[in-house]
Protein backbone atom coordinates (compact mmCIF):
# COMPACT_ATOMS: atom_id res chain seq x y z
CA MET A 1 -44.96 30.66 -40.12
CA LYS A 2 -42.47 33.64 -39.39
CA LYS A 3 -44.08 34.05 -36.25
CA GLN A 4 -43.24 30.58 -35.17
CA LEU A 5 -39.79 30.99 -36.16
CA ILE A 6 -39.44 33.97 -34.01
CA ALA A 7 -41.13 32.13 -31.06
CA VAL A 8 -38.45 29.37 -31.39
CA GLY A 9 -35.83 31.68 -31.53
CA VAL A 10 -36.85 33.48 -28.37
CA ALA A 11 -37.35 30.12 -26.67
CA ALA A 12 -33.94 29.02 -27.63
CA LEU A 13 -32.24 32.29 -26.40
CA LEU A 14 -34.24 32.13 -23.15
CA ALA A 15 -32.83 28.53 -22.78
CA LEU A 16 -29.40 29.65 -23.28
CA LEU A 17 -29.60 32.54 -20.91
CA GLY A 18 -30.99 29.97 -18.45
CA VAL A 19 -27.82 27.80 -18.76
CA VAL A 20 -25.61 30.78 -18.44
CA VAL A 21 -27.32 32.01 -15.16
CA LEU A 22 -27.13 28.33 -13.74
CA VAL A 23 -23.47 28.07 -14.53
CA LYS A 24 -22.78 31.45 -12.94
CA TYR A 25 -24.68 30.55 -9.74
CA ALA A 26 -22.81 27.35 -9.52
CA SER A 27 -19.54 29.30 -9.73
CA ASP A 28 -20.52 31.92 -7.24
CA ALA A 29 -21.77 29.06 -4.84
CA ASP A 30 -18.35 27.46 -4.94
CA GLU A 31 -16.64 30.90 -4.17
CA ARG A 32 -19.32 31.64 -1.49
CA ALA A 33 -18.52 27.89 -0.03
CA PHE A 34 -14.77 28.86 0.25
CA GLU A 35 -15.33 32.62 1.33
CA GLY A 36 -13.53 33.21 4.52
CA THR A 37 -11.97 29.70 4.20
CA GLU A 38 -7.99 29.71 4.11
CA LEU A 39 -6.74 27.90 0.89
CA VAL A 40 -3.61 26.02 0.82
CA SER A 41 -1.72 24.64 -2.09
CA VAL A 42 -0.82 21.00 -2.16
CA VAL A 43 0.32 18.17 -4.71
CA ARG A 44 -2.09 15.36 -5.53
CA ALA A 45 -2.03 12.46 -7.91
CA THR A 46 -3.85 12.67 -11.21
CA ALA A 47 -3.21 9.01 -12.12
CA ASP A 48 -2.48 5.65 -10.65
CA VAL A 49 1.20 5.61 -9.44
CA PRO A 50 3.10 2.43 -8.40
CA LEU A 51 4.67 1.80 -5.15
CA GLY A 52 8.40 2.44 -5.81
CA THR A 53 8.23 5.14 -8.40
CA ALA A 54 10.92 7.59 -8.37
CA VAL A 55 10.02 11.25 -7.90
CA ALA A 56 11.73 12.23 -11.15
CA ASP A 57 9.09 10.22 -12.89
CA LEU A 58 6.06 11.88 -11.19
CA ALA A 59 5.64 15.07 -13.10
CA SER A 60 3.05 13.84 -15.55
CA SER A 61 0.95 12.12 -12.68
CA VAL A 62 0.58 15.05 -10.21
CA GLU A 63 -0.95 18.45 -10.13
CA SER A 64 -0.98 21.49 -7.82
CA VAL A 65 -4.27 22.37 -6.37
CA GLN A 66 -5.69 24.62 -3.56
CA VAL A 67 -7.70 23.08 -0.81
CA PRO A 68 -9.28 24.30 2.54
CA ARG A 69 -6.60 23.98 5.26
CA ALA A 70 -8.63 21.82 7.24
CA ALA A 71 -8.74 19.22 4.36
CA VAL A 72 -4.74 19.23 4.23
CA VAL A 73 -3.37 15.81 5.33
CA PRO A 74 -0.47 15.85 7.71
CA GLY A 75 2.85 16.53 6.05
CA ALA A 76 1.29 17.45 2.70
CA LEU A 77 3.81 18.48 -0.03
CA THR A 78 3.29 21.95 -1.79
CA SER A 79 5.71 20.75 -4.29
CA LEU A 80 7.92 17.82 -5.14
CA ASP A 81 11.18 19.46 -4.16
CA ALA A 82 10.94 18.42 -0.59
CA VAL A 83 11.13 14.55 -1.56
CA LYS A 84 13.60 14.88 -4.37
CA GLY A 85 15.49 11.72 -4.92
CA LYS A 86 13.00 9.54 -3.20
CA LEU A 87 10.58 6.72 -4.07
CA THR A 88 6.82 6.37 -3.46
CA SER A 89 6.52 4.14 -0.32
CA VAL A 90 2.95 3.21 -1.19
CA ALA A 91 0.84 2.95 -4.35
CA LEU A 92 -1.11 6.29 -5.19
CA VAL A 93 -4.60 6.82 -6.86
CA PRO A 94 -6.02 9.60 -8.48
CA GLY A 95 -6.93 12.21 -5.82
CA ASP A 96 -4.57 11.27 -3.20
CA GLN A 97 -2.64 14.24 -1.51
CA LEU A 98 1.00 13.56 -1.50
CA SER A 99 2.76 13.77 1.86
CA THR A 100 6.25 13.17 3.10
CA ALA A 101 4.96 9.88 4.62
CA LYS A 102 4.28 8.40 1.07
CA PHE A 103 8.05 8.70 0.12
CA THR A 104 11.04 6.59 1.40
CA ASP A 105 14.76 7.37 0.91
CA VAL A 106 17.23 5.33 -1.41
CA VAL A 107 20.35 4.81 1.03
CA THR A 108 23.55 3.65 -0.40
CA GLY A 109 21.91 1.52 -3.02
CA GLU A 110 19.41 0.01 -0.50
CA ILE A 111 15.78 0.85 -0.50
CA VAL A 112 14.00 1.48 2.87
CA VAL A 113 11.32 -1.09 3.33
CA PRO A 114 7.89 0.69 2.96
CA ASP A 115 5.47 1.07 5.96
CA GLY A 116 3.14 -2.02 6.65
CA MET A 117 5.47 -4.26 4.60
CA GLN A 118 8.25 -6.68 5.62
CA GLU A 119 11.68 -7.86 4.27
CA LEU A 120 12.12 -11.41 2.98
CA SER A 121 15.56 -12.57 1.57
CA ILE A 122 15.45 -15.20 -1.28
CA PRO A 123 18.70 -17.24 -2.04
CA LEU A 124 19.11 -17.32 -5.74
CA SER A 125 21.79 -18.19 -8.49
CA GLY A 126 22.49 -17.56 -11.96
CA ALA A 127 19.75 -17.30 -14.51
CA ARG A 128 17.08 -17.78 -11.76
CA LEU A 129 17.51 -13.94 -10.63
CA ALA A 130 17.52 -12.58 -14.17
CA GLY A 131 21.30 -12.89 -14.63
CA ASP A 132 22.99 -9.89 -12.72
CA VAL A 133 20.67 -7.13 -13.82
CA LEU A 134 18.53 -6.95 -10.65
CA THR A 135 19.45 -4.02 -8.49
CA ALA A 136 17.80 -2.17 -5.34
CA GLY A 137 14.75 -0.17 -6.54
CA ASP A 138 13.91 -2.73 -9.51
CA ARG A 139 10.64 -4.40 -9.73
CA ALA A 140 10.41 -8.11 -10.30
CA GLY A 141 8.10 -10.89 -11.29
CA VAL A 142 8.08 -14.21 -9.49
CA PHE A 143 7.61 -17.60 -11.25
CA SER A 144 7.15 -20.60 -9.21
CA SER A 145 7.82 -24.06 -10.37
CA TYR A 146 6.47 -27.23 -8.79
CA ASP A 147 6.59 -30.83 -10.08
CA GLY A 148 5.83 -30.22 -13.71
CA ALA A 149 3.67 -26.97 -13.10
CA THR A 150 4.85 -23.29 -13.23
CA ALA A 151 2.88 -20.14 -12.52
CA ASN A 152 3.35 -16.52 -11.95
CA PRO A 153 1.96 -15.57 -8.60
CA ILE A 154 3.46 -12.29 -7.86
CA ASN A 155 4.41 -9.19 -10.02
CA ASP A 156 5.75 -5.75 -9.19
CA LEU A 157 7.84 -7.13 -6.47
CA LEU A 158 10.05 -4.46 -4.97
CA ILE A 159 13.89 -5.19 -4.75
CA LEU A 160 15.45 -4.00 -1.73
CA ARG A 161 18.86 -5.12 -2.24
CA VAL A 162 20.93 -7.76 -3.87
CA ASP A 163 23.80 -9.30 -2.07
CA ALA A 164 25.92 -11.16 -4.44
CA GLY A 165 28.33 -13.78 -3.27
CA ASP A 166 32.20 -13.91 -4.35
CA GLY A 167 31.38 -15.53 -7.75
CA GLY A 168 28.68 -12.65 -8.60
CA ALA A 169 25.47 -13.56 -10.00
CA GLU A 170 26.45 -17.09 -10.78
CA ASP A 171 27.21 -17.72 -7.11
CA ALA A 172 24.80 -19.92 -5.28
CA GLY A 173 25.13 -17.59 -2.30
CA THR A 174 23.51 -14.58 -4.03
CA VAL A 175 20.47 -13.30 -1.92
CA VAL A 176 17.76 -10.95 -3.05
CA THR A 177 16.00 -9.04 -0.29
CA VAL A 178 12.53 -7.87 -1.19
CA ALA A 179 9.54 -6.06 0.35
CA VAL A 180 6.35 -8.14 0.77
CA ASP A 181 3.02 -8.11 2.34
CA THR A 182 1.93 -11.29 4.29
CA ILE A 183 0.33 -13.11 1.43
CA ASP A 184 3.36 -12.63 -0.90
CA ALA A 185 5.80 -13.85 1.81
CA GLU A 186 3.63 -17.13 2.25
CA LYS A 187 3.91 -17.64 -1.53
CA LEU A 188 7.48 -17.03 -1.74
CA ILE A 189 8.41 -19.10 1.22
CA HIS A 190 6.28 -22.02 0.18
CA THR A 191 7.92 -22.09 -3.24
CA MET A 192 11.39 -21.82 -1.45
CA GLU A 193 10.36 -24.82 0.74
CA PHE A 194 8.87 -27.10 -2.03
CA GLY A 195 9.65 -25.72 -5.63
CA THR A 196 11.92 -23.48 -7.38
CA ILE A 197 11.71 -19.64 -7.82
CA TRP A 198 12.75 -17.74 -10.96
CA LEU A 199 12.69 -13.75 -10.91
CA THR A 200 12.15 -11.68 -13.92
CA LYS A 201 12.95 -7.95 -14.19
CA GLN A 202 9.91 -5.89 -14.94
CA THR A 203 9.48 -2.37 -16.01
CA GLU A 204 6.42 0.14 -16.29
CA ALA A 205 5.85 -1.08 -19.90
CA THR A 206 5.79 -5.01 -18.62
CA THR A 207 2.42 -6.56 -19.53
CA THR A 208 1.50 -9.56 -17.19
CA ASP A 209 -2.00 -10.19 -18.83
CA GLY A 210 -2.66 -13.72 -20.41
CA GLY A 211 -0.66 -15.86 -18.15
CA LYS A 212 -1.75 -19.03 -16.73
CA THR A 213 -0.51 -22.26 -14.70
CA ILE A 214 1.43 -24.11 -17.35
CA THR A 215 2.04 -27.95 -17.04
CA GLN A 216 3.72 -30.30 -19.56
CA LYS A 217 0.76 -30.73 -21.80
CA ASP A 218 0.70 -27.02 -22.45
CA VAL A 219 4.35 -27.13 -23.68
CA ALA A 220 4.31 -30.62 -25.29
CA PRO A 221 0.81 -31.76 -25.72
């Protein structure tokens, strides 16, 4: 029995040594792979980051890592200092290297339209544009109403600017300009032509799950 226990102990020790040797080999392999390769520090995303996020809010969603120079993207950032005060012009996903092309300026209260998107102006008034709380850089939800039906077809809409008429937010001449892709532009224009638009102000904590197209029977069965 004693011999069996000794044998089991020796086997366990050999297995542990095997694991240690394997880990060391893998570590040495990584070092050998980078041997002679120039490494460069870059900043990359560690979490999903929405388009229009302020650089000041990125600290918990990025990290500094070293990568081979050949793998560095054009305009890669070595720190966030170079884009201080800017906003992300694209959505980021974990592993994305941050570069100057992925940020846009805020100029006199107006957000520069992100690359690949287009501007669309929406004439609204009063409560339909969330009172007077929407400003450049905000995110908005779009609610479209047609002949007894209401839906929420668009969320996280980037507000580029809000031009209020002389009467402020209650003025029918207030125009909200947004950044949209083609499909969202089509949805907004269709609603402006044939229905009514309401905008809501959204934040990072806003939850949009659980919505559906609402008709009169859902409100007053």
